[in-house]
Amino acid sequence: MMVGYHGRKDIEHYILSVMNIVAKLYRDSSLGNVVNIIVTRLIVLTEDQPNLEINHHADKSLDSFCKWQKSILSHQNDGNTIPENGIAHHDNAVLITRYDICTYKNKPCGTLGLASVAGMCEPERSCSINEDIGLGSAFTIAHEIGHK
């Protein structure tokens, strides 16, 4: 859905622009500490993935995404190097979707993002699902990362 909406040619640039805004938000001096947000890997899904089910139901989609992203992590390195399989390590996984997500039901509603609270240190909970609403999605993503 994201590729269909933004176009194959522009999707990577768009997502990196959103994540650049997120990074700038976390560099604000009002936070008291600098937090560096770095995109280590960008996966644009153009077809369904085994064991990954994303739909309007934010809770179930988040659970599915968190399990899926954990499954692609390599636990055979020190966590900061690129392992032999070439997949870079990440501390937090962010899913951006065009689905109009909603907590607790599989229908559109006003939910813009969802993440586990205090999950950064647990790979299976260090993830979020975020509805794409344009560049303003950066604020939702920053908020969801902040739950960690």
Protein backbone atom coordinates (compact mmCIF):
# COMPACT_ATOMS: atom_id res chain seq x y z
CA MET A 1 0.00 0.00 0.00
CA MET A 2 2.84 2.43 0.81
CA VAL A 3 4.58 1.82 -2.52
CA GLY A 4 1.28 2.13 -4.38
CA TYR A 5 0.56 5.46 -2.70
CA HIS A 6 4.00 7.10 -2.77
CA GLY A 7 5.39 5.34 -5.85
CA ARG A 8 8.25 2.89 -6.16
CA LYS A 9 10.63 5.64 -7.20
CA ASP A 10 9.89 7.98 -4.27
CA ILE A 11 9.13 5.67 -1.31
CA GLU A 12 12.70 5.45 0.03
CA HIS A 13 13.22 9.21 -0.17
CA TYR A 14 9.87 9.82 1.54
CA ILE A 15 10.55 7.42 4.44
CA LEU A 16 14.06 8.78 4.96
CA SER A 17 12.62 12.31 5.01
CA VAL A 18 10.14 11.30 7.72
CA MET A 19 12.89 9.62 9.74
CA ASN A 20 15.11 12.70 9.34
CA ILE A 21 12.36 14.76 11.00
CA VAL A 22 12.19 12.16 13.80
CA ALA A 23 15.97 12.42 14.26
CA LYS A 24 15.79 16.22 14.41
CA LEU A 25 13.05 16.07 17.06
CA TYR A 26 15.26 13.90 19.26
CA ARG A 27 18.19 16.33 18.92
CA ASP A 28 16.21 19.19 20.47
CA SER A 29 18.06 20.75 23.42
CA SER A 30 14.87 20.76 25.51
CA LEU A 31 15.29 17.00 25.99
CA GLY A 32 18.42 17.55 28.06
CA ASN A 33 20.22 14.72 26.28
CA VAL A 34 20.99 14.09 22.65
CA VAL A 35 19.38 10.95 21.28
CA ASN A 36 20.69 9.85 17.89
CA ILE A 37 18.16 8.25 15.58
CA ILE A 38 19.94 6.44 12.75
CA VAL A 39 18.26 4.40 10.04
CA THR A 40 20.38 1.25 9.85
CA ARG A 41 18.16 -0.55 7.38
CA LEU A 42 15.11 0.22 5.28
CA ILE A 43 12.94 -2.67 4.19
CA VAL A 44 10.22 -1.80 1.68
CA LEU A 45 7.78 -4.69 1.52
CA THR A 46 6.25 -5.16 -1.91
CA GLU A 47 4.66 -8.53 -1.19
CA ASP A 48 3.20 -10.38 1.77
CA GLN A 49 5.71 -11.81 4.22
CA PRO A 50 5.38 -15.15 6.01
CA ASN A 51 4.28 -14.65 9.62
CA LEU A 52 3.55 -10.92 9.14
CA GLU A 53 -0.08 -9.84 9.18
CA ILE A 54 -0.80 -6.12 9.04
CA ASN A 55 -4.35 -4.74 8.95
CA HIS A 56 -6.54 -2.10 10.65
CA HIS A 57 -6.26 -3.86 14.04
CA ALA A 58 -3.26 -2.05 15.55
CA ASP A 59 -2.81 -4.38 18.55
CA LYS A 60 -2.68 -7.55 16.48
CA SER A 61 -0.62 -5.87 13.75
CA LEU A 62 1.89 -4.61 16.33
CA ASP A 63 2.19 -8.06 17.86
CA SER A 64 2.72 -9.62 14.43
CA PHE A 65 5.27 -6.99 13.38
CA CYS A 66 7.21 -7.23 16.64
CA LYS A 67 7.54 -11.00 16.26
CA TRP A 68 8.47 -10.66 12.59
CA GLN A 69 11.14 -8.02 13.15
CA LYS A 70 12.65 -10.03 16.00
CA SER A 71 12.84 -13.05 13.70
CA ILE A 72 15.05 -11.17 11.24
CA LEU A 73 17.55 -10.09 13.91
CA SER A 74 20.76 -12.04 14.12
CA HIS A 75 21.67 -12.97 17.68
CA GLN A 76 25.09 -14.23 16.61
CA ASN A 77 26.92 -10.91 16.79
CA ASP A 78 27.69 -8.26 19.37
CA GLY A 79 24.62 -6.24 18.42
CA ASN A 80 26.52 -3.42 16.76
CA THR A 81 28.22 -5.01 13.77
CA ILE A 82 26.76 -6.25 10.53
CA PRO A 83 26.67 -10.04 10.80
CA GLU A 84 27.69 -12.43 8.04
CA ASN A 85 24.11 -12.49 6.73
CA GLY A 86 24.48 -8.76 5.94
CA ILE A 87 21.44 -7.65 7.92
CA ALA A 88 22.25 -4.63 10.10
CA HIS A 89 21.31 -4.68 13.78
CA HIS A 90 18.56 -2.36 14.99
CA ASP A 91 17.53 -1.24 18.48
CA ASN A 92 14.01 -0.26 17.47
CA ALA A 93 11.89 -1.28 14.49
CA VAL A 94 9.38 1.14 12.99
CA LEU A 95 6.57 0.00 10.69
CA ILE A 96 4.86 2.67 8.62
CA THR A 97 1.59 1.62 7.01
CA ARG A 98 -1.18 3.17 4.94
CA TYR A 99 -3.79 1.21 6.91
CA ASP A 100 -6.08 3.41 9.01
CA ILE A 101 -5.17 1.59 12.23
CA CYS A 102 -7.24 1.28 15.36
CA THR A 103 -6.55 -0.26 18.76
CA TYR A 104 -8.68 -3.23 19.81
CA LYS A 105 -10.66 -3.61 16.57
CA ASN A 106 -10.15 -4.24 12.87
CA LYS A 107 -11.82 -1.03 11.71
CA PRO A 108 -10.49 2.43 10.89
CA CYS A 109 -10.44 5.01 13.71
CA GLY A 110 -8.31 7.85 15.10
CA THR A 111 -5.33 5.80 16.30
CA LEU A 112 -2.11 6.97 14.61
CA GLY A 113 0.46 4.74 16.28
CA LEU A 114 1.04 2.02 18.83
CA ALA A 115 4.06 0.73 20.76
CA SER A 116 4.77 -1.20 23.92
CA VAL A 117 5.70 0.84 26.98
CA ALA A 118 9.22 0.23 28.33
CA GLY A 119 10.12 -2.24 25.60
CA MET A 120 13.44 -0.92 24.20
CA CYS A 121 15.58 -3.51 26.01
CA GLU A 122 13.45 -6.42 24.86
CA PRO A 123 13.90 -7.17 21.13
CA GLU A 124 10.39 -8.61 20.82
CA ARG A 125 8.86 -5.37 22.21
CA SER A 126 11.17 -2.73 20.74
CA CYS A 127 8.92 -1.88 17.82
CA SER A 128 6.03 0.32 16.77
CA ILE A 129 3.34 0.50 14.12
CA ASN A 130 2.57 3.94 12.68
CA GLU A 131 -0.09 5.16 10.29
CA ASP A 132 1.26 7.14 7.34
CA ILE A 133 -0.43 10.55 7.29
CA GLY A 134 2.32 12.43 5.48
CA LEU A 135 5.33 14.17 6.97
CA GLY A 136 3.37 14.64 10.20
CA SER A 137 3.86 10.91 10.75
CA ALA A 138 7.27 11.88 12.12
CA PHE A 139 5.62 13.18 15.29
CA THR A 140 3.74 9.91 15.79
CA ILE A 141 6.90 7.87 15.22
CA ALA A 142 8.88 10.06 17.65
CA HIS A 143 6.10 9.66 20.22
CA GLU A 144 6.01 5.87 19.84
CA ILE A 145 9.80 5.58 20.09
CA GLY A 146 9.54 7.68 23.25
CA HIS A 147 7.48 4.94 24.92
CA LYS A 148 10.66 2.93 25.16
